[in-house]
Amino acid sequence: MSIEAIYNRRSIRKYKSKEISIDKKLYLGRYK
């Protein structure tokens, strides 16, 4: 399983909340 797949699975639950922007920043900062 790729990092992107793991991130996508985790983020599906969070996308309805404000955490999406924070998660995306952390994700991009970590794996860019």
Protein backbone atom coordinates (compact mmCIF):
# COMPACT_ATOMS: atom_id res chain seq x y z
CA MET A 1 0.00 0.00 0.00
CA SER A 2 1.39 3.35 -1.02
CA ILE A 3 1.64 6.39 1.22
CA GLU A 4 -0.93 8.14 -0.96
CA ALA A 5 -3.37 5.25 -0.55
CA ILE A 6 -2.96 5.34 3.23
CA TYR A 7 -3.43 9.11 3.26
CA ASN A 8 -6.50 8.89 1.05
CA ARG A 9 -8.11 6.25 3.24
CA ARG A 10 -7.48 8.29 6.39
CA SER A 11 -8.58 11.57 4.84
CA ILE A 12 -11.89 10.24 3.51
CA ARG A 13 -13.25 10.39 7.06
CA LYS A 14 -11.85 13.85 7.75
CA TYR A 15 -12.75 15.63 4.51
CA LYS A 16 -16.03 16.86 5.97
CA SER A 17 -14.22 18.77 8.72
CA LYS A 18 -11.79 21.66 8.92
CA GLU A 19 -8.97 19.18 9.49
CA ILE A 20 -8.69 18.72 5.74
CA SER A 21 -6.55 21.83 5.31
CA ILE A 22 -4.29 20.93 8.23
CA ASP A 23 -3.91 17.34 7.05
CA LYS A 24 -3.13 18.46 3.54
CA LYS A 25 -0.40 20.82 4.77
CA LEU A 26 1.14 18.10 6.92
CA TYR A 27 0.91 15.59 4.07
CA LEU A 28 2.48 17.91 1.52
CA GLY A 29 5.17 19.00 3.96
CA ARG A 30 6.06 15.43 4.79
CA TYR A 31 6.02 13.75 1.42
CA LYS A 32 6.59 16.52 -1.10
